[in-house]
C-alpha atoms as a PDB file:
ATOM      1  CA  MET A   1      56.258   4.721  21.526  1.00  0.00           C
ATOM      2  CA  GLY A   2      53.892   6.219  19.035  1.00  0.00           C
ATOM      3  CA  LYS A   3      50.128   6.152  19.043  1.00  0.00           C
ATOM      4  CA  THR A   4      49.144   3.484  16.446  1.00  0.00           C
ATOM      5  CA  ALA A   5      46.640   1.344  18.260  1.00  0.00           C
ATOM      6  CA  MET A   6      42.956   1.865  17.322  1.00  0.00           C
ATOM      7  CA  ILE A   7      39.842   1.453  19.707  1.00  0.00           C
ATOM      8  CA  ARG A   8      36.412   1.386  18.101  1.00  0.00           C
ATOM      9  CA  ALA A   9      33.328   1.435  20.073  1.00  0.00           C
ATOM     10  CA  ARG A  10      29.640   1.815  19.317  1.00  0.00           C
ATOM     11  CA  ILE A  11      27.689   4.157  21.820  1.00  0.00           C
ATOM     12  CA  GLU A  12      24.629   6.118  21.552  1.00  0.00           C
ATOM     13  CA  PRO A  13      25.018   9.329  19.481  1.00  0.00           C
ATOM     14  CA  GLU A  14      23.386  11.613  22.101  1.00  0.00           C
ATOM     15  CA  LEU A  15      25.813  10.104  24.700  1.00  0.00           C
ATOM     16  CA  LYS A  16      28.843  10.691  22.637  1.00  0.00           C
ATOM     17  CA  GLU A  17      27.825  14.200  21.972  1.00  0.00           C
ATOM     18  CA  LYS A  18      27.348  14.986  25.535  1.00  0.00           C
ATOM     19  CA  VAL A  19      30.554  13.484  26.469  1.00  0.00           C
ATOM     20  CA  GLU A  20      32.576  15.180  23.903  1.00  0.00           C
ATOM     21  CA  HIS A  21      31.084  18.485  25.082  1.00  0.00           C
ATOM     22  CA  LEU A  22      32.090  17.623  28.766  1.00  0.00           C
ATOM     23  CA  PHE A  23      35.574  16.743  27.896  1.00  0.00           C
ATOM     24  CA  HIS A  24      35.754  19.884  25.703  1.00  0.00           C
ATOM     25  CA  ARG A  25      34.708  21.940  28.855  1.00  0.00           C
ATOM     26  CA  LEU A  26      37.581  19.995  30.657  1.00  0.00           C
ATOM     27  CA  GLY A  27      40.155  20.823  27.958  1.00  0.00           C
ATOM     28  CA  LEU A  28      40.400  17.287  26.905  1.00  0.00           C
ATOM     29  CA  SER A  29      39.982  15.602  23.591  1.00  0.00           C
ATOM     30  CA  MET A  30      38.188  12.180  23.259  1.00  0.00           C
ATOM     31  CA  THR A  31      41.839  10.499  22.628  1.00  0.00           C
ATOM     32  CA  GLU A  32      43.298  12.291  25.592  1.00  0.00           C
ATOM     33  CA  ALA A  33      40.329  11.381  27.954  1.00  0.00           C
ATOM     34  CA  ILE A  34      40.312   7.834  26.847  1.00  0.00           C
ATOM     35  CA  GLY A  35      44.195   7.750  27.416  1.00  0.00           C
ATOM     36  CA  LEU A  36      43.927   9.313  30.748  1.00  0.00           C
ATOM     37  CA  PHE A  37      41.269   6.643  31.577  1.00  0.00           C
ATOM     38  CA  PHE A  38      43.526   3.938  30.625  1.00  0.00           C
ATOM     39  CA  ARG A  39      46.537   5.219  32.336  1.00  0.00           C
ATOM     40  CA  ARG A  40      44.504   5.659  35.687  1.00  0.00           C
ATOM     41  CA  ALA A  41      42.843   2.258  35.379  1.00  0.00           C
ATOM     42  CA  LEU A  42      46.321   0.695  35.012  1.00  0.00           C
ATOM     43  CA  ASN A  43      47.788   2.557  37.936  1.00  0.00           C
ATOM     44  CA  GLN A  44      44.742   1.754  40.165  1.00  0.00           C
ATOM     45  CA  GLN A  45      44.480  -1.735  38.894  1.00  0.00           C
ATOM     46  CA  GLY A  46      40.732  -1.072  38.414  1.00  0.00           C
ATOM     47  CA  LEU A  47      38.309   1.737  37.624  1.00  0.00           C
ATOM     48  CA  PRO A  48      39.838   5.030  38.239  1.00  0.00           C
ATOM     49  CA  PHE A  49      38.712   8.130  39.992  1.00  0.00           C
ATOM     50  CA  ASP A  50      35.682  10.327  39.044  1.00  0.00           C
ATOM     51  CA  VAL A  51      36.179  13.582  37.192  1.00  0.00           C
ATOM     52  CA  TRP A  52      33.474  16.046  37.225  1.00  0.00           C
ATOM     53  CA  LEU A  53      32.768  19.697  36.983  1.00  0.00           C
ATOM     54  CA  PRO A  54      31.649  21.502  40.188  1.00  0.00           C
ATOM     55  CA  ASN A  55      28.004  22.251  40.580  1.00  0.00           C
ATOM     56  CA  PRO A  56      26.630  25.661  40.269  1.00  0.00           C
ATOM     57  CA  THR A  57      26.668  26.299  44.030  1.00  0.00           C
ATOM     58  CA  THR A  58      30.123  25.235  44.387  1.00  0.00           C
ATOM     59  CA  VAL A  59      31.215  27.492  41.545  1.00  0.00           C
ATOM     60  CA  ARG A  60      29.526  30.385  43.368  1.00  0.00           C
ATOM     61  CA  THR A  61      31.278  29.558  46.470  1.00  0.00           C
ATOM     62  CA  PHE A  62      34.779  29.441  44.897  1.00  0.00           C
ATOM     63  CA  LYS A  63      34.244  32.586  43.053  1.00  0.00           C
ATOM     64  CA  SER A  64      33.064  34.390  46.220  1.00  0.00           C
ATOM     65  CA  THR A  65      35.789  33.072  48.464  1.00  0.00           C
ATOM     66  CA  ASN A  66      38.633  33.771  45.677  1.00  0.00           C
ATOM     67  CA  ARG A  67      37.224  37.529  45.926  1.00  0.00           C
ATOM     68  CA  GLY A  68      37.825  37.236  49.596  1.00  0.00           C
ATOM     69  CA  LYS A  69      34.252  37.271  50.444  1.00  0.00           C
ATOM     70  CA  ASN A  70      32.127  35.080  52.656  1.00  0.00           C
ATOM     71  CA  LEU A  71      35.185  33.676  54.474  1.00  0.00           C
ATOM     72  CA  VAL A  72      35.047  32.705  58.004  1.00  0.00           C
ATOM     73  CA  ARG A  73      38.395  33.207  59.681  1.00  0.00           C
ATOM     74  CA  ALA A  74      39.617  31.112  62.951  1.00  0.00           C
ATOM     75  CA  LYS A  75      42.269  32.015  65.327  1.00  0.00           C
ATOM     76  CA  ASP A  76      43.101  28.269  65.989  1.00  0.00           C
ATOM     77  CA  ALA A  77      41.632  24.693  65.631  1.00  0.00           C
ATOM     78  CA  LYS A  78      39.567  25.334  68.913  1.00  0.00           C
ATOM     79  CA  ASP A  79      38.101  28.401  67.376  1.00  0.00           C
ATOM     80  CA  LEU A  80      37.375  26.709  64.178  1.00  0.00           C
ATOM     81  CA  PHE A  81      35.560  23.957  65.875  1.00  0.00           C
ATOM     82  CA  LYS A  82      33.523  26.367  67.853  1.00  0.00           C
ATOM     83  CA  LYS A  83      32.479  28.241  64.644  1.00  0.00           C
ATOM     84  CA  LEU A  84      31.713  24.850  63.074  1.00  0.00           C
ATOM     85  CA  GLY A  85      29.585  23.988  66.133  1.00  0.00           C
ATOM     86  CA  ILE A  86      31.716  20.737  66.838  1.00  0.00           C
END
């Protein structure tokens, strides 16, 4: 089915600008983001999941571990729990 239905909504210009920037960083247009939201809401029969960008600490951790740095290796579950202190 073709996309022919229109949705009009009034929001604060600053909010719209910030959200457009966020969606751009996520690789989504406003139309794609709204469609994604609607599909997930329908699938969940309610408000859908959260989507966000990782905070700077998480990004640094991902980059570090992707390079194989700052990894903690465990022989087995017992060793892992010991290293975690649990």
